[in-house]
Each structure stands twice: as structure tokens, then as C-alpha cells.
Amino acid sequence: MSRTFFRVLLIAAILVALANSTAYSQSLGDIARENQEEKAAQAANAPAPKVITNKDLPTDPDAGSTSSATAAPVANKPADPMAKQRAEHQAEQRYAQQRQAEQRAAEQWKRQILAQKNKVAVLQARMNQIHASLQAASGSVAADGPYTGYQARRAVQVQQQLNEQRRKLDQMQEAARHAGMHTTVYDP
């Protein structure tokens, strides 16, 4: 009996809450009107948009970097027929200078990488000589005697140098790749 009483009481409380919320709720039309009023108030406080006309734009295509205030006097000057040719000539010179600088940089990268490759090749040849001298007449590695002990230590040192120079070569080639060099530059 107490369970049914609590259920009925709970249902009654929910119905009362729903009735109160519907009685005090706004209609959809009221909400839309309030939103329109808020937008109108915001629009009245907002700055007016700037209108740009053809008169505000520069007539010279190279004058795109100047402001409209400085472009107006340029438009009033008589057109210089040689100005376009001079501008094209200057652009060609800048391009040629840039191309020469890129070629010099590529040649410098190539020389450095070739020099590093030569160092690696010399060290590799030295390692091959040491390994050949460690071979005994019978073809097995000679492990006894002070001379061969020295050669073995020397082989370890040369191998470390070779590994270091190879790592340096890899770093140079990677740096050339990141600099945008062509394959023939970083892998000659």
C-alpha cells in the first residue's frame, strides 16, 4: 500500500511540474522575435562594411603592393612605354642571378659530398688492406703475435673512423635533399 501511495504521489508531482513548465514556457514565435531584435541591435552597433570600387584599384599591375592613396598619382602620369620593358629586363636579371646562386650552391654541395665520398673510399680501402694483412697464408685469421694484435686494434680504429665518415656523408646528403637539391647533386 505504501508503494502505490508513493507511486501515485510521484506521478502527481511530475504532472504538476509539467503543467507549470508548459504554463510558463515561451512560444516559438516569441523566441524568434527576440532573436530578430537581438540581431537588429547588433547590426546597428556594427561598423559599416567598406565598399571598394574600380576607382580604388590601381591601374598599374606592378603597383599591387602600393596602397590606393599612392596609386592614384601614378594613374594620372602619362604611360612610359619603356617602363614595361625595364621591368621585364629587371625581372629577367633577378631570375638569372637567382639561378646562378642556385647553381653555385648545388656545385658547392656536390663538391663537399664528393670529397666526403672520397674520404669514405680511402678509409674503406685501408680497411680492406688491414683485413688482407690479417689473413694468414692458409686463409685463416692470424690471432697470435704482437704485430697482428696491433693490426687488430688498428682495424677497430679505422672501422670507427669509417663509420663516422659514412654517418657524416649520410647527414650531408640528407641536408642537400632538404635544401631542395637534385639527385645528381646529393648522390653523384
C-alpha atoms as a PDB file:
ATOM      1  CA  MET A   1       0.000   0.000   0.000  1.00  0.00           C
ATOM      2  CA  SER A   2       2.795   2.402   0.778  1.00  0.00           C
ATOM      3  CA  ARG A   3       4.415   1.598  -2.567  1.00  0.00           C
ATOM      4  CA  THR A   4       1.319   2.519  -4.516  1.00  0.00           C
ATOM      5  CA  PHE A   5       0.910   5.644  -2.444  1.00  0.00           C
ATOM      6  CA  PHE A   6       4.485   6.748  -3.275  1.00  0.00           C
ATOM      7  CA  ARG A   7       3.963   5.947  -6.957  1.00  0.00           C
ATOM      8  CA  VAL A   8       0.776   8.000  -7.103  1.00  0.00           C
ATOM      9  CA  LEU A   9       2.484  10.837  -5.237  1.00  0.00           C
ATOM     10  CA  LEU A  10       5.464  10.733  -7.643  1.00  0.00           C
ATOM     11  CA  ILE A  11       3.221  10.750 -10.702  1.00  0.00           C
ATOM     12  CA  ALA A  12       1.246  13.681  -9.311  1.00  0.00           C
ATOM     13  CA  ALA A  13       4.462  15.648  -8.670  1.00  0.00           C
ATOM     14  CA  ILE A  14       5.644  15.018 -12.223  1.00  0.00           C
ATOM     15  CA  LEU A  15       2.291  16.132 -13.660  1.00  0.00           C
ATOM     16  CA  VAL A  16       2.328  19.319 -11.569  1.00  0.00           C
ATOM     17  CA  ALA A  17       5.897  20.091 -12.725  1.00  0.00           C
ATOM     18  CA  LEU A  18       4.954  19.549 -16.365  1.00  0.00           C
ATOM     19  CA  ALA A  19       1.863  21.722 -16.043  1.00  0.00           C
ATOM     20  CA  ASN A  20       3.893  24.571 -14.528  1.00  0.00           C
ATOM     21  CA  SER A  21       6.610  24.351 -17.183  1.00  0.00           C
ATOM     22  CA  THR A  22       4.100  24.482 -20.048  1.00  0.00           C
ATOM     23  CA  ALA A  23       2.254  27.362 -18.490  1.00  0.00           C
ATOM     24  CA  TYR A  24       5.399  29.499 -18.215  1.00  0.00           C
ATOM     25  CA  SER A  25       7.170  28.434 -21.409  1.00  0.00           C
ATOM     26  CA  GLN A  26       7.557  30.777 -24.393  1.00  0.00           C
ATOM     27  CA  SER A  27       6.144  30.065 -27.782  1.00  0.00           C
ATOM     28  CA  LEU A  28       8.417  29.544 -30.767  1.00  0.00           C
ATOM     29  CA  GLY A  29       7.224  32.814 -32.303  1.00  0.00           C
ATOM     30  CA  ASP A  30       8.249  34.764 -29.181  1.00  0.00           C
ATOM     31  CA  ILE A  31      11.726  33.255 -29.253  1.00  0.00           C
ATOM     32  CA  ALA A  32      12.132  34.075 -32.972  1.00  0.00           C
ATOM     33  CA  ARG A  33      11.067  37.704 -32.378  1.00  0.00           C
ATOM     34  CA  GLU A  34      13.580  38.061 -29.542  1.00  0.00           C
ATOM     35  CA  ASN A  35      16.370  36.671 -31.759  1.00  0.00           C
ATOM     36  CA  GLN A  36      15.476  39.093 -34.566  1.00  0.00           C
ATOM     37  CA  GLU A  37      15.513  42.016 -32.125  1.00  0.00           C
ATOM     38  CA  GLU A  38      18.946  40.976 -30.820  1.00  0.00           C
ATOM     39  CA  LYS A  39      20.345  40.679 -34.354  1.00  0.00           C
ATOM     40  CA  ALA A  40      18.942  44.082 -35.287  1.00  0.00           C
ATOM     41  CA  ALA A  41      20.550  45.641 -32.210  1.00  0.00           C
ATOM     42  CA  GLN A  42      23.905  44.017 -33.044  1.00  0.00           C
ATOM     43  CA  ALA A  43      23.704  45.132 -36.658  1.00  0.00           C
ATOM     44  CA  ALA A  44      23.037  48.715 -35.601  1.00  0.00           C
ATOM     45  CA  ASN A  45      26.176  48.693 -33.412  1.00  0.00           C
ATOM     46  CA  ALA A  46      28.404  47.015 -36.058  1.00  0.00           C
ATOM     47  CA  PRO A  47      30.631  49.182 -38.306  1.00  0.00           C
ATOM     48  CA  ALA A  48      29.512  49.685 -41.877  1.00  0.00           C
ATOM     49  CA  PRO A  49      31.260  47.476 -44.459  1.00  0.00           C
ATOM     50  CA  LYS A  50      33.828  49.183 -46.682  1.00  0.00           C
ATOM     51  CA  VAL A  51      32.934  49.283 -50.355  1.00  0.00           C
ATOM     52  CA  ILE A  52      35.791  49.107 -52.845  1.00  0.00           C
ATOM     53  CA  THR A  53      35.182  50.289 -56.388  1.00  0.00           C
ATOM     54  CA  ASN A  54      37.282  50.220 -59.566  1.00  0.00           C
ATOM     55  CA  LYS A  55      38.416  53.752 -58.792  1.00  0.00           C
ATOM     56  CA  ASP A  56      40.085  52.465 -55.624  1.00  0.00           C
ATOM     57  CA  LEU A  57      42.088  49.805 -57.505  1.00  0.00           C
ATOM     58  CA  PRO A  58      45.473  50.696 -59.068  1.00  0.00           C
ATOM     59  CA  THR A  59      45.688  50.716 -62.867  1.00  0.00           C
ATOM     60  CA  ASP A  60      49.331  49.570 -62.995  1.00  0.00           C
ATOM     61  CA  PRO A  61      49.599  45.775 -62.421  1.00  0.00           C
ATOM     62  CA  ASP A  62      53.028  46.230 -60.798  1.00  0.00           C
ATOM     63  CA  ALA A  63      51.545  48.677 -58.308  1.00  0.00           C
ATOM     64  CA  GLY A  64      49.600  45.942 -56.488  1.00  0.00           C
ATOM     65  CA  SER A  65      51.849  46.297 -53.457  1.00  0.00           C
ATOM     66  CA  THR A  66      51.119  50.026 -53.012  1.00  0.00           C
ATOM     67  CA  SER A  67      48.083  51.464 -51.294  1.00  0.00           C
ATOM     68  CA  SER A  68      45.249  53.154 -53.183  1.00  0.00           C
ATOM     69  CA  ALA A  69      46.354  56.565 -51.912  1.00  0.00           C
ATOM     70  CA  THR A  70      49.772  56.253 -53.538  1.00  0.00           C
ATOM     71  CA  ALA A  71      48.424  54.551 -56.656  1.00  0.00           C
ATOM     72  CA  ALA A  72      46.205  57.483 -57.659  1.00  0.00           C
ATOM     73  CA  PRO A  73      49.056  59.835 -58.691  1.00  0.00           C
ATOM     74  CA  VAL A  74      50.662  57.037 -60.736  1.00  0.00           C
ATOM     75  CA  ALA A  75      47.457  56.606 -62.721  1.00  0.00           C
ATOM     76  CA  ASN A  76      47.473  60.306 -63.631  1.00  0.00           C
ATOM     77  CA  LYS A  77      51.030  60.180 -65.100  1.00  0.00           C
ATOM     78  CA  PRO A  78      51.430  59.525 -68.810  1.00  0.00           C
ATOM     79  CA  ALA A  79      52.305  55.899 -69.552  1.00  0.00           C
ATOM     80  CA  ASP A  80      56.035  55.266 -70.073  1.00  0.00           C
ATOM     81  CA  PRO A  81      56.420  52.802 -72.977  1.00  0.00           C
ATOM     82  CA  MET A  82      59.866  51.729 -71.775  1.00  0.00           C
ATOM     83  CA  ALA A  83      58.752  51.106 -68.189  1.00  0.00           C
ATOM     84  CA  LYS A  84      57.326  47.691 -69.014  1.00  0.00           C
ATOM     85  CA  GLN A  85      60.489  46.668 -70.872  1.00  0.00           C
ATOM     86  CA  ARG A  86      62.685  47.860 -67.990  1.00  0.00           C
ATOM     87  CA  ALA A  87      60.560  45.935 -65.506  1.00  0.00           C
ATOM     88  CA  GLU A  88      60.783  42.782 -67.627  1.00  0.00           C
ATOM     89  CA  HIS A  89      64.548  43.215 -68.003  1.00  0.00           C
ATOM     90  CA  GLN A  90      64.946  43.642 -64.242  1.00  0.00           C
ATOM     91  CA  ALA A  91      62.835  40.551 -63.626  1.00  0.00           C
ATOM     92  CA  GLU A  92      64.975  38.562 -66.060  1.00  0.00           C
ATOM     93  CA  GLN A  93      68.143  39.770 -64.330  1.00  0.00           C
ATOM     94  CA  ARG A  94      66.790  38.796 -60.904  1.00  0.00           C
ATOM     95  CA  TYR A  95      65.849  35.370 -62.246  1.00  0.00           C
ATOM     96  CA  ALA A  96      69.290  34.908 -63.822  1.00  0.00           C
ATOM     97  CA  GLN A  97      71.025  35.938 -60.587  1.00  0.00           C
ATOM     98  CA  GLN A  98      68.839  33.600 -58.571  1.00  0.00           C
ATOM     99  CA  ARG A  99      69.555  30.759 -60.980  1.00  0.00           C
ATOM    100  CA  GLN A 100      73.326  31.398 -60.773  1.00  0.00           C
ATOM    101  CA  ALA A 101      73.166  31.416 -56.972  1.00  0.00           C
ATOM    102  CA  GLU A 102      71.288  28.102 -57.028  1.00  0.00           C
ATOM    103  CA  GLN A 103      73.867  26.604 -59.386  1.00  0.00           C
ATOM    104  CA  ARG A 104      76.747  27.774 -57.182  1.00  0.00           C
ATOM    105  CA  ALA A 105      75.057  26.265 -54.136  1.00  0.00           C
ATOM    106  CA  ALA A 106      74.471  22.994 -55.987  1.00  0.00           C
ATOM    107  CA  GLU A 107      78.099  22.842 -57.097  1.00  0.00           C
ATOM    108  CA  GLN A 108      79.281  23.531 -53.557  1.00  0.00           C
ATOM    109  CA  TRP A 109      77.075  20.744 -52.166  1.00  0.00           C
ATOM    110  CA  LYS A 110      78.309  18.399 -54.884  1.00  0.00           C
ATOM    111  CA  ARG A 111      82.000  19.171 -54.177  1.00  0.00           C
ATOM    112  CA  GLN A 112      81.548  18.640 -50.435  1.00  0.00           C
ATOM    113  CA  ILE A 113      79.663  15.377 -50.911  1.00  0.00           C
ATOM    114  CA  LEU A 114      82.242  14.070 -53.407  1.00  0.00           C
ATOM    115  CA  ALA A 115      85.067  14.966 -51.013  1.00  0.00           C
ATOM    116  CA  GLN A 116      83.276  13.087 -48.240  1.00  0.00           C
ATOM    117  CA  LYS A 117      82.715  10.093 -50.533  1.00  0.00           C
ATOM    118  CA  ASN A 118      86.440  10.091 -51.304  1.00  0.00           C
ATOM    119  CA  LYS A 119      87.251  10.043 -47.575  1.00  0.00           C
ATOM    120  CA  VAL A 120      84.933   7.068 -47.139  1.00  0.00           C
ATOM    121  CA  ALA A 121      86.508   5.291 -50.118  1.00  0.00           C
ATOM    122  CA  VAL A 122      90.050   5.842 -48.770  1.00  0.00           C
ATOM    123  CA  LEU A 123      89.073   4.515 -45.342  1.00  0.00           C
ATOM    124  CA  GLN A 124      87.325   1.536 -46.927  1.00  0.00           C
ATOM    125  CA  ALA A 125      90.476   0.754 -48.957  1.00  0.00           C
ATOM    126  CA  ARG A 126      92.576   0.989 -45.780  1.00  0.00           C
ATOM    127  CA  MET A 127      90.163  -1.401 -44.019  1.00  0.00           C
ATOM    128  CA  ASN A 128      90.461  -3.838 -46.906  1.00  0.00           C
ATOM    129  CA  GLN A 129      94.273  -3.702 -46.681  1.00  0.00           C
ATOM    130  CA  ILE A 130      94.215  -4.317 -42.931  1.00  0.00           C
ATOM    131  CA  HIS A 131      91.835  -7.253 -43.328  1.00  0.00           C
ATOM    132  CA  ALA A 132      94.015  -8.690 -46.069  1.00  0.00           C
ATOM    133  CA  SER A 133      97.126  -8.391 -43.886  1.00  0.00           C
ATOM    134  CA  LEU A 134      95.350 -10.146 -41.024  1.00  0.00           C
ATOM    135  CA  GLN A 135      94.732 -13.181 -43.210  1.00  0.00           C
ATOM    136  CA  ALA A 136      97.309 -15.904 -42.714  1.00  0.00           C
ATOM    137  CA  ALA A 137      98.896 -17.733 -45.575  1.00  0.00           C
ATOM    138  CA  SER A 138      96.440 -20.555 -45.079  1.00  0.00           C
ATOM    139  CA  GLY A 139      93.439 -18.173 -45.327  1.00  0.00           C
ATOM    140  CA  SER A 140      92.511 -18.122 -41.645  1.00  0.00           C
ATOM    141  CA  VAL A 141      92.751 -15.106 -39.383  1.00  0.00           C
ATOM    142  CA  ALA A 142      96.121 -14.911 -37.615  1.00  0.00           C
ATOM    143  CA  ALA A 143      95.393 -14.342 -33.960  1.00  0.00           C
ATOM    144  CA  ASP A 144      98.843 -14.607 -32.399  1.00  0.00           C
ATOM    145  CA  GLY A 145     101.851 -12.330 -32.247  1.00  0.00           C
ATOM    146  CA  PRO A 146     102.246  -8.682 -31.286  1.00  0.00           C
ATOM    147  CA  TYR A 147     102.152  -7.451 -34.880  1.00  0.00           C
ATOM    148  CA  THR A 148      98.743  -8.953 -35.550  1.00  0.00           C
ATOM    149  CA  GLY A 149      97.450  -7.656 -32.209  1.00  0.00           C
ATOM    150  CA  TYR A 150      98.442  -4.146 -33.283  1.00  0.00           C
ATOM    151  CA  GLN A 151      96.780  -4.668 -36.649  1.00  0.00           C
ATOM    152  CA  ALA A 152      93.575  -5.823 -34.994  1.00  0.00           C
ATOM    153  CA  ARG A 153      93.471  -2.687 -32.801  1.00  0.00           C
ATOM    154  CA  ARG A 154      94.209  -0.567 -35.868  1.00  0.00           C
ATOM    155  CA  ALA A 155      91.380  -2.293 -37.744  1.00  0.00           C
ATOM    156  CA  VAL A 156      88.956  -1.353 -34.961  1.00  0.00           C
ATOM    157  CA  GLN A 157      90.112   2.286 -35.068  1.00  0.00           C
ATOM    158  CA  VAL A 158      89.819   2.516 -38.846  1.00  0.00           C
ATOM    159  CA  GLN A 159      86.380   0.875 -38.727  1.00  0.00           C
ATOM    160  CA  GLN A 160      85.223   3.508 -36.207  1.00  0.00           C
ATOM    161  CA  GLN A 161      86.565   6.282 -38.442  1.00  0.00           C
ATOM    162  CA  LEU A 162      84.866   4.709 -41.452  1.00  0.00           C
ATOM    163  CA  ASN A 163      81.546   4.506 -39.627  1.00  0.00           C
ATOM    164  CA  GLU A 164      81.844   8.163 -38.539  1.00  0.00           C
ATOM    165  CA  GLN A 165      82.644   9.331 -42.076  1.00  0.00           C
ATOM    166  CA  ARG A 166      79.727   7.338 -43.517  1.00  0.00           C
ATOM    167  CA  ARG A 167      77.361   8.904 -40.965  1.00  0.00           C
ATOM    168  CA  LYS A 168      78.711  12.331 -41.888  1.00  0.00           C
ATOM    169  CA  LEU A 169      78.162  11.570 -45.594  1.00  0.00           C
ATOM    170  CA  ASP A 170      74.564  10.496 -44.906  1.00  0.00           C
ATOM    171  CA  GLN A 171      73.940  13.710 -42.969  1.00  0.00           C
ATOM    172  CA  MET A 172      75.369  15.822 -45.802  1.00  0.00           C
ATOM    173  CA  GLN A 173      73.222  14.052 -48.371  1.00  0.00           C
ATOM    174  CA  GLU A 174      70.117  14.458 -46.218  1.00  0.00           C
ATOM    175  CA  ALA A 175      70.853  18.161 -45.738  1.00  0.00           C
ATOM    176  CA  ALA A 176      71.246  18.577 -49.507  1.00  0.00           C
ATOM    177  CA  ARG A 177      67.905  16.817 -50.057  1.00  0.00           C
ATOM    178  CA  HIS A 178      66.227  19.143 -47.549  1.00  0.00           C
ATOM    179  CA  ALA A 179      67.813  22.129 -49.305  1.00  0.00           C
ATOM    180  CA  GLY A 180      65.975  21.055 -52.462  1.00  0.00           C
ATOM    181  CA  MET A 181      68.980  19.870 -54.417  1.00  0.00           C
ATOM    182  CA  HIS A 182      68.613  17.491 -57.352  1.00  0.00           C
ATOM    183  CA  THR A 183      69.552  13.814 -57.057  1.00  0.00           C
ATOM    184  CA  THR A 184      72.649  14.376 -59.171  1.00  0.00           C
ATOM    185  CA  VAL A 185      73.896  16.793 -56.533  1.00  0.00           C
ATOM    186  CA  TYR A 186      73.456  14.735 -53.372  1.00  0.00           C
ATOM    187  CA  ASP A 187      74.125  11.342 -54.948  1.00  0.00           C
ATOM    188  CA  PRO A 188      76.774  11.971 -57.643  1.00  0.00           C
END
